[in-house]
Amino acid sequence: AAAAQRLGWPLTTFNRKLDNVCDKFDREGVQGLR
């Protein structure tokens, strides 16, 4: 919520983008994001 507010994004937008970023790094082998 704090990060979304800092960016001026709705929380739903932030969470969706967070999911996308975590999925991207998870596919590259970064552990702990799934």
ModelCIF file with pLDDT and N, C-alpha, C, O atoms, coordinates in Angstrom:
data_MODEL
#
_entry.id   MODEL 
#
_entity.id                         1 
_entity.type                       polymer 
_entity.pdbx_number_of_molecules   1 
#
_entity_poly.entity_id                      1 
_entity_poly.type                           'polypeptide(L)' 
_entity_poly.nstd_linkage                   no 
_entity_poly.nstd_monomer                   no 
_entity_poly.pdbx_seq_one_letter_code       AAAAQRLGWPLTTFNRKLDNVCDKFDREGVQGLR 
_entity_poly.pdbx_seq_one_letter_code_can   AAAAQRLGWPLTTFNRKLDNVCDKFDREGVQGLR 
_entity_poly.pdbx_strand_id                 A 
#
loop_
_entity_poly_seq.entity_id 
_entity_poly_seq.num 
_entity_poly_seq.mon_id 
_entity_poly_seq.hetero 
1 1  ALA n 
1 2  ALA n 
1 3  ALA n 
1 4  ALA n 
1 5  GLN n 
1 6  ARG n 
1 7  LEU n 
1 8  GLY n 
1 9  TRP n 
1 10 PRO n 
1 11 LEU n 
1 12 THR n 
1 13 THR n 
1 14 PHE n 
1 15 ASN n 
1 16 ARG n 
1 17 LYS n 
1 18 LEU n 
1 19 ASP n 
1 20 ASN n 
1 21 VAL n 
1 22 CYS n 
1 23 ASP n 
1 24 LYS n 
1 25 PHE n 
1 26 ASP n 
1 27 ARG n 
1 28 GLU n 
1 29 GLY n 
1 30 VAL n 
1 31 GLN n 
1 32 GLY n 
1 33 LEU n 
1 34 ARG n 
#
_struct_asym.id          A 
_struct_asym.entity_id   1 
#
loop_
_ma_qa_metric.id 
_ma_qa_metric.mode 
_ma_qa_metric.name 
_ma_qa_metric.software_group_id 
_ma_qa_metric.type 
1 global pLDDT . pLDDT 
2 local  pLDDT . pLDDT 
#
_ma_qa_metric_global.metric_id      1 
_ma_qa_metric_global.metric_value   91.44 
_ma_qa_metric_global.model_id       1 
_ma_qa_metric_global.ordinal_id     1 
#
loop_
_ma_qa_metric_local.label_asym_id 
_ma_qa_metric_local.label_comp_id 
_ma_qa_metric_local.label_seq_id 
_ma_qa_metric_local.metric_id 
_ma_qa_metric_local.metric_value 
_ma_qa_metric_local.model_id 
_ma_qa_metric_local.ordinal_id 
A ALA 1  2 95.00 1 1  
A ALA 2  2 95.00 1 2  
A ALA 3  2 95.00 1 3  
A ALA 4  2 95.00 1 4  
A GLN 5  2 94.00 1 5  
A ARG 6  2 93.00 1 6  
A LEU 7  2 94.00 1 7  
A GLY 8  2 93.00 1 8  
A TRP 9  2 95.00 1 9  
A PRO 10 2 96.00 1 10 
A LEU 11 2 96.00 1 11 
A THR 12 2 96.00 1 12 
A THR 13 2 96.00 1 13 
A PHE 14 2 96.00 1 14 
A ASN 15 2 94.00 1 15 
A ARG 16 2 95.00 1 16 
A LYS 17 2 95.00 1 17 
A LEU 18 2 94.00 1 18 
A ASP 19 2 92.00 1 19 
A ASN 20 2 93.00 1 20 
A VAL 21 2 94.00 1 21 
A CYS 22 2 92.00 1 22 
A ASP 23 2 92.00 1 23 
A LYS 24 2 92.00 1 24 
A PHE 25 2 91.00 1 25 
A ASP 26 2 89.00 1 26 
A ARG 27 2 89.00 1 27 
A GLU 28 2 87.00 1 28 
A GLY 29 2 85.00 1 29 
A VAL 30 2 85.00 1 30 
A GLN 31 2 81.00 1 31 
A GLY 32 2 81.00 1 32 
A LEU 33 2 85.00 1 33 
A ARG 34 2 74.00 1 34 
#
loop_
_atom_site.group_PDB 
_atom_site.id 
_atom_site.type_symbol 
_atom_site.label_atom_id 
_atom_site.label_alt_id 
_atom_site.label_comp_id 
_atom_site.label_asym_id 
_atom_site.label_entity_id 
_atom_site.label_seq_id 
_atom_site.pdbx_PDB_ins_code 
_atom_site.Cartn_x 
_atom_site.Cartn_y 
_atom_site.Cartn_z 
_atom_site.occupancy 
_atom_site.B_iso_or_equiv 
_atom_site.pdbx_formal_charge 
_atom_site.auth_seq_id 
_atom_site.auth_comp_id 
_atom_site.auth_asym_id 
_atom_site.auth_atom_id 
_atom_site.pdbx_PDB_model_num 
ATOM 1   N N  . ALA A 1 1  ? 0.826  -1.209  0.000   1.00 95.00 ? 1  ALA A N  1 
ATOM 2   C CA . ALA A 1 1  ? 0.000  0.000   0.000   1.00 95.00 ? 1  ALA A CA 1 
ATOM 3   C C  . ALA A 1 1  ? 0.858  1.256   0.000   1.00 95.00 ? 1  ALA A C  1 
ATOM 4   O O  . ALA A 1 1  ? 0.558  2.217   -0.709  1.00 95.00 ? 1  ALA A O  1 
ATOM 5   N N  . ALA A 1 2  ? 1.938  1.252   0.803   1.00 95.00 ? 2  ALA A N  1 
ATOM 6   C CA . ALA A 1 2  ? 2.816  2.418   0.880   1.00 95.00 ? 2  ALA A CA 1 
ATOM 7   C C  . ALA A 1 2  ? 3.556  2.630   -0.434  1.00 95.00 ? 2  ALA A C  1 
ATOM 8   O O  . ALA A 1 2  ? 3.690  3.763   -0.895  1.00 95.00 ? 2  ALA A O  1 
ATOM 9   N N  . ALA A 1 3  ? 4.037  1.544   -1.040  1.00 95.00 ? 3  ALA A N  1 
ATOM 10  C CA . ALA A 1 3  ? 4.751  1.657   -2.311  1.00 95.00 ? 3  ALA A CA 1 
ATOM 11  C C  . ALA A 1 3  ? 3.811  2.122   -3.417  1.00 95.00 ? 3  ALA A C  1 
ATOM 12  O O  . ALA A 1 3  ? 4.193  2.928   -4.265  1.00 95.00 ? 3  ALA A O  1 
ATOM 13  N N  . ALA A 1 4  ? 2.584  1.613   -3.406  1.00 95.00 ? 4  ALA A N  1 
ATOM 14  C CA . ALA A 1 4  ? 1.605  2.032   -4.415  1.00 95.00 ? 4  ALA A CA 1 
ATOM 15  C C  . ALA A 1 4  ? 1.298  3.517   -4.273  1.00 95.00 ? 4  ALA A C  1 
ATOM 16  O O  . ALA A 1 4  ? 1.201  4.236   -5.268  1.00 95.00 ? 4  ALA A O  1 
ATOM 17  N N  . GLN A 1 5  ? 1.146  3.969   -3.040  1.00 94.00 ? 5  GLN A N  1 
ATOM 18  C CA . GLN A 1 5  ? 0.877  5.390   -2.788  1.00 94.00 ? 5  GLN A CA 1 
ATOM 19  C C  . GLN A 1 5  ? 2.067  6.246   -3.236  1.00 94.00 ? 5  GLN A C  1 
ATOM 20  O O  . GLN A 1 5  ? 1.884  7.329   -3.792  1.00 94.00 ? 5  GLN A O  1 
ATOM 21  N N  . ARG A 1 6  ? 3.273  5.759   -2.994  1.00 93.00 ? 6  ARG A N  1 
ATOM 22  C CA . ARG A 1 6  ? 4.467  6.493   -3.402  1.00 93.00 ? 6  ARG A CA 1 
ATOM 23  C C  . ARG A 1 6  ? 4.512  6.689   -4.916  1.00 93.00 ? 6  ARG A C  1 
ATOM 24  O O  . ARG A 1 6  ? 4.968  7.721   -5.409  1.00 93.00 ? 6  ARG A O  1 
ATOM 25  N N  . LEU A 1 7  ? 4.032  5.683   -5.638  1.00 94.00 ? 7  LEU A N  1 
ATOM 26  C CA . LEU A 1 7  ? 4.030  5.734   -7.098  1.00 94.00 ? 7  LEU A CA 1 
ATOM 27  C C  . LEU A 1 7  ? 2.801  6.440   -7.661  1.00 94.00 ? 7  LEU A C  1 
ATOM 28  O O  . LEU A 1 7  ? 2.766  6.813   -8.833  1.00 94.00 ? 7  LEU A O  1 
ATOM 29  N N  . GLY A 1 8  ? 1.787  6.617   -6.800  1.00 93.00 ? 8  GLY A N  1 
ATOM 30  C CA . GLY A 1 8  ? 0.541  7.200   -7.274  1.00 93.00 ? 8  GLY A CA 1 
ATOM 31  C C  . GLY A 1 8  ? -0.309 6.220   -8.054  1.00 93.00 ? 8  GLY A C  1 
ATOM 32  O O  . GLY A 1 8  ? -1.111 6.615   -8.901  1.00 93.00 ? 8  GLY A O  1 
ATOM 33  N N  . TRP A 1 9  ? -0.128 4.923   -7.762  1.00 95.00 ? 9  TRP A N  1 
ATOM 34  C CA . TRP A 1 9  ? -0.884 3.873   -8.449  1.00 95.00 ? 9  TRP A CA 1 
ATOM 35  C C  . TRP A 1 9  ? -1.981 3.342   -7.534  1.00 95.00 ? 9  TRP A C  1 
ATOM 36  O O  . TRP A 1 9  ? -1.839 3.389   -6.312  1.00 95.00 ? 9  TRP A O  1 
ATOM 37  N N  . PRO A 1 10 ? -3.072 2.837   -8.106  1.00 96.00 ? 10 PRO A N  1 
ATOM 38  C CA . PRO A 1 10 ? -4.036 2.083   -7.300  1.00 96.00 ? 10 PRO A CA 1 
ATOM 39  C C  . PRO A 1 10 ? -3.363 0.814   -6.778  1.00 96.00 ? 10 PRO A C  1 
ATOM 40  O O  . PRO A 1 10 ? -2.474 0.268   -7.431  1.00 96.00 ? 10 PRO A O  1 
ATOM 41  N N  . LEU A 1 11 ? -3.778 0.353   -5.623  1.00 96.00 ? 11 LEU A N  1 
ATOM 42  C CA . LEU A 1 11 ? -3.162 -0.840  -5.045  1.00 96.00 ? 11 LEU A CA 1 
ATOM 43  C C  . LEU A 1 11 ? -3.319 -2.047  -5.962  1.00 96.00 ? 11 LEU A C  1 
ATOM 44  O O  . LEU A 1 11 ? -2.415 -2.877  -6.060  1.00 96.00 ? 11 LEU A O  1 
ATOM 45  N N  . THR A 1 12 ? -4.459 -2.145  -6.632  1.00 96.00 ? 12 THR A N  1 
ATOM 46  C CA . THR A 1 12 ? -4.674 -3.279  -7.543  1.00 96.00 ? 12 THR A CA 1 
ATOM 47  C C  . THR A 1 12 ? -3.649 -3.264  -8.681  1.00 96.00 ? 12 THR A C  1 
ATOM 48  O O  . THR A 1 12 ? -3.159 -4.315  -9.092  1.00 96.00 ? 12 THR A O  1 
ATOM 49  N N  . THR A 1 13 ? -3.330 -2.079  -9.183  1.00 96.00 ? 13 THR A N  1 
ATOM 50  C CA . THR A 1 13 ? -2.327 -1.961  -10.244 1.00 96.00 ? 13 THR A CA 1 
ATOM 51  C C  . THR A 1 13 ? -0.957 -2.378  -9.736  1.00 96.00 ? 13 THR A C  1 
ATOM 52  O O  . THR A 1 13 ? -0.227 -3.105  -10.410 1.00 96.00 ? 13 THR A O  1 
ATOM 53  N N  . PHE A 1 14 ? -0.614 -1.911  -8.542  1.00 96.00 ? 14 PHE A N  1 
ATOM 54  C CA . PHE A 1 14 ? 0.684  -2.270  -7.961  1.00 96.00 ? 14 PHE A CA 1 
ATOM 55  C C  . PHE A 1 14 ? 0.795  -3.780  -7.793  1.00 96.00 ? 14 PHE A C  1 
ATOM 56  O O  . PHE A 1 14 ? 1.802  -4.372  -8.182  1.00 96.00 ? 14 PHE A O  1 
ATOM 57  N N  . ASN A 1 15 ? -0.228 -4.411  -7.218  1.00 94.00 ? 15 ASN A N  1 
ATOM 58  C CA . ASN A 1 15 ? -0.176 -5.853  -6.973  1.00 94.00 ? 15 ASN A CA 1 
ATOM 59  C C  . ASN A 1 15 ? -0.075 -6.641  -8.272  1.00 94.00 ? 15 ASN A C  1 
ATOM 60  O O  . ASN A 1 15 ? 0.618  -7.657  -8.330  1.00 94.00 ? 15 ASN A O  1 
ATOM 61  N N  . ARG A 1 16 ? -0.762 -6.177  -9.314  1.00 95.00 ? 16 ARG A N  1 
ATOM 62  C CA . ARG A 1 16 ? -0.691 -6.873  -10.604 1.00 95.00 ? 16 ARG A CA 1 
ATOM 63  C C  . ARG A 1 16 ? 0.722  -6.781  -11.178 1.00 95.00 ? 16 ARG A C  1 
ATOM 64  O O  . ARG A 1 16 ? 1.263  -7.768  -11.677 1.00 95.00 ? 16 ARG A O  1 
ATOM 65  N N  . LYS A 1 17 ? 1.310  -5.596  -11.103 1.00 95.00 ? 17 LYS A N  1 
ATOM 66  C CA . LYS A 1 17 ? 2.666  -5.424  -11.623 1.00 95.00 ? 17 LYS A CA 1 
ATOM 67  C C  . LYS A 1 17 ? 3.687  -6.175  -10.762 1.00 95.00 ? 17 LYS A C  1 
ATOM 68  O O  . LYS A 1 17 ? 4.678  -6.695  -11.274 1.00 95.00 ? 17 LYS A O  1 
ATOM 69  N N  . LEU A 1 18 ? 3.436  -6.226  -9.462  1.00 94.00 ? 18 LEU A N  1 
ATOM 70  C CA . LEU A 1 18 ? 4.316  -6.992  -8.579  1.00 94.00 ? 18 LEU A CA 1 
ATOM 71  C C  . LEU A 1 18 ? 4.291  -8.470  -8.955  1.00 94.00 ? 18 LEU A C  1 
ATOM 72  O O  . LEU A 1 18 ? 5.333  -9.125  -8.992  1.00 94.00 ? 18 LEU A O  1 
ATOM 73  N N  . ASP A 1 19 ? 3.103  -8.989  -9.231  1.00 92.00 ? 19 ASP A N  1 
ATOM 74  C CA . ASP A 1 19 ? 2.981  -10.384 -9.675  1.00 92.00 ? 19 ASP A CA 1 
ATOM 75  C C  . ASP A 1 19 ? 3.784  -10.611 -10.948 1.00 92.00 ? 19 ASP A C  1 
ATOM 76  O O  . ASP A 1 19 ? 4.486  -11.614 -11.078 1.00 92.00 ? 19 ASP A O  1 
ATOM 77  N N  . ASN A 1 20 ? 3.678  -9.674  -11.887 1.00 93.00 ? 20 ASN A N  1 
ATOM 78  C CA . ASN A 1 20 ? 4.384  -9.821  -13.161 1.00 93.00 ? 20 ASN A CA 1 
ATOM 79  C C  . ASN A 1 20 ? 5.899  -9.815  -12.968 1.00 93.00 ? 20 ASN A C  1 
ATOM 80  O O  . ASN A 1 20 ? 6.613  -10.617 -13.571 1.00 93.00 ? 20 ASN A O  1 
ATOM 81  N N  . VAL A 1 21 ? 6.384  -8.901  -12.118 1.00 94.00 ? 21 VAL A N  1 
ATOM 82  C CA . VAL A 1 21 ? 7.824  -8.821  -11.873 1.00 94.00 ? 21 VAL A CA 1 
ATOM 83  C C  . VAL A 1 21 ? 8.325  -10.088 -11.194 1.00 94.00 ? 21 VAL A C  1 
ATOM 84  O O  . VAL A 1 21 ? 9.356  -10.636 -11.582 1.00 94.00 ? 21 VAL A O  1 
ATOM 85  N N  . CYS A 1 22 ? 7.600  -10.555 -10.181 1.00 92.00 ? 22 CYS A N  1 
ATOM 86  C CA . CYS A 1 22 ? 8.008  -11.767 -9.472  1.00 92.00 ? 22 CYS A CA 1 
ATOM 87  C C  . CYS A 1 22 ? 8.000  -12.972 -10.401 1.00 92.00 ? 22 CYS A C  1 
ATOM 88  O O  . CYS A 1 22 ? 8.912  -13.797 -10.347 1.00 92.00 ? 22 CYS A O  1 
ATOM 89  N N  . ASP A 1 23 ? 6.979  -13.090 -11.257 1.00 92.00 ? 23 ASP A N  1 
ATOM 90  C CA . ASP A 1 23 ? 6.915  -14.202 -12.208 1.00 92.00 ? 23 ASP A CA 1 
ATOM 91  C C  . ASP A 1 23 ? 8.095  -14.151 -13.170 1.00 92.00 ? 23 ASP A C  1 
ATOM 92  O O  . ASP A 1 23 ? 8.667  -15.186 -13.513 1.00 92.00 ? 23 ASP A O  1 
ATOM 93  N N  . LYS A 1 24 ? 8.456  -12.957 -13.600 1.00 92.00 ? 24 LYS A N  1 
ATOM 94  C CA . LYS A 1 24 ? 9.559  -12.796 -14.549 1.00 92.00 ? 24 LYS A CA 1 
ATOM 95  C C  . LYS A 1 24 ? 10.877 -13.264 -13.936 1.00 92.00 ? 24 LYS A C  1 
ATOM 96  O O  . LYS A 1 24 ? 11.631 -13.999 -14.575 1.00 92.00 ? 24 LYS A O  1 
ATOM 97  N N  . PHE A 1 25 ? 11.160 -12.847 -12.707 1.00 91.00 ? 25 PHE A N  1 
ATOM 98  C CA . PHE A 1 25 ? 12.411 -13.260 -12.071 1.00 91.00 ? 25 PHE A CA 1 
ATOM 99  C C  . PHE A 1 25 ? 12.376 -14.729 -11.664 1.00 91.00 ? 25 PHE A C  1 
ATOM 100 O O  . PHE A 1 25 ? 13.405 -15.404 -11.684 1.00 91.00 ? 25 PHE A O  1 
ATOM 101 N N  . ASP A 1 26 ? 11.202 -15.225 -11.295 1.00 89.00 ? 26 ASP A N  1 
ATOM 102 C CA . ASP A 1 26 ? 11.082 -16.630 -10.946 1.00 89.00 ? 26 ASP A CA 1 
ATOM 103 C C  . ASP A 1 26 ? 11.442 -17.508 -12.143 1.00 89.00 ? 26 ASP A C  1 
ATOM 104 O O  . ASP A 1 26 ? 12.106 -18.533 -11.984 1.00 89.00 ? 26 ASP A O  1 
ATOM 105 N N  . ARG A 1 27 ? 11.010 -17.115 -13.328 1.00 89.00 ? 27 ARG A N  1 
ATOM 106 C CA . ARG A 1 27 ? 11.344 -17.877 -14.532 1.00 89.00 ? 27 ARG A CA 1 
ATOM 107 C C  . ARG A 1 27 ? 12.837 -17.856 -14.822 1.00 89.00 ? 27 ARG A C  1 
ATOM 108 O O  . ARG A 1 27 ? 13.366 -18.760 -15.469 1.00 89.00 ? 27 ARG A O  1 
ATOM 109 N N  . GLU A 1 28 ? 13.514 -16.815 -14.337 1.00 87.00 ? 28 GLU A N  1 
ATOM 110 C CA . GLU A 1 28 ? 14.960 -16.707 -14.541 1.00 87.00 ? 28 GLU A CA 1 
ATOM 111 C C  . GLU A 1 28 ? 15.754 -17.419 -13.439 1.00 87.00 ? 28 GLU A C  1 
ATOM 112 O O  . GLU A 1 28 ? 16.985 -17.417 -13.456 1.00 87.00 ? 28 GLU A O  1 
ATOM 113 N N  . GLY A 1 29 ? 15.046 -18.024 -12.488 1.00 85.00 ? 29 GLY A N  1 
ATOM 114 C CA . GLY A 1 29 ? 15.723 -18.811 -11.463 1.00 85.00 ? 29 GLY A CA 1 
ATOM 115 C C  . GLY A 1 29 ? 15.939 -18.131 -10.132 1.00 85.00 ? 29 GLY A C  1 
ATOM 116 O O  . GLY A 1 29 ? 16.614 -18.686 -9.265  1.00 85.00 ? 29 GLY A O  1 
ATOM 117 N N  . VAL A 1 30 ? 15.380 -16.930 -9.939  1.00 85.00 ? 30 VAL A N  1 
ATOM 118 C CA . VAL A 1 30 ? 15.510 -16.259 -8.651  1.00 85.00 ? 30 VAL A CA 1 
ATOM 119 C C  . VAL A 1 30 ? 14.588 -16.953 -7.650  1.00 85.00 ? 30 VAL A C  1 
ATOM 120 O O  . VAL A 1 30 ? 13.390 -17.095 -7.893  1.00 85.00 ? 30 VAL A O  1 
ATOM 121 N N  . GLN A 1 31 ? 15.151 -17.378 -6.535  1.00 81.00 ? 31 GLN A N  1 
ATOM 122 C CA . GLN A 1 31 ? 14.393 -18.134 -5.550  1.00 81.00 ? 31 GLN A CA 1 
ATOM 123 C C  . GLN A 1 31 ? 13.588 -17.227 -4.619  1.00 81.00 ? 31 GLN A C  1 
ATOM 124 O O  . GLN A 1 31 ? 13.938 -16.068 -4.394  1.00 81.00 ? 31 GLN A O  1 
ATOM 125 N N  . GLY A 1 32 ? 12.490 -17.791 -4.079  1.00 81.00 ? 32 GLY A N  1 
ATOM 126 C CA . GLY A 1 32 ? 11.730 -17.105 -3.038  1.00 81.00 ? 32 GLY A CA 1 
ATOM 127 C C  . GLY A 1 32 ? 10.660 -16.156 -3.520  1.00 81.00 ? 32 GLY A C  1 
ATOM 128 O O  . GLY A 1 32 ? 10.100 -15.412 -2.715  1.00 81.00 ? 32 GLY A O  1 
ATOM 129 N N  . LEU A 1 33 ? 10.348 -16.153 -4.828  1.00 85.00 ? 33 LEU A N  1 
ATOM 130 C CA . LEU A 1 33 ? 9.359  -15.206 -5.363  1.00 85.00 ? 33 LEU A CA 1 
ATOM 131 C C  . LEU A 1 33 ? 8.054  -15.876 -5.757  1.00 85.00 ? 33 LEU A C  1 
ATOM 132 O O  . LEU A 1 33 ? 7.085  -15.197 -6.096  1.00 85.00 ? 33 LEU A O  1 
ATOM 133 N N  . ARG A 1 34 ? 8.019  -17.180 -5.718  1.00 74.00 ? 34 ARG A N  1 
ATOM 134 C CA . ARG A 1 34 ? 6.802  -17.891 -6.107  1.00 74.00 ? 34 ARG A CA 1 
ATOM 135 C C  . ARG A 1 34 ? 5.810  -17.892 -4.962  1.00 74.00 ? 34 ARG A C  1 
ATOM 136 O O  . ARG A 1 34 ? 4.717  -18.443 -5.092  1.00 74.00 ? 34 ARG A O  1 
#
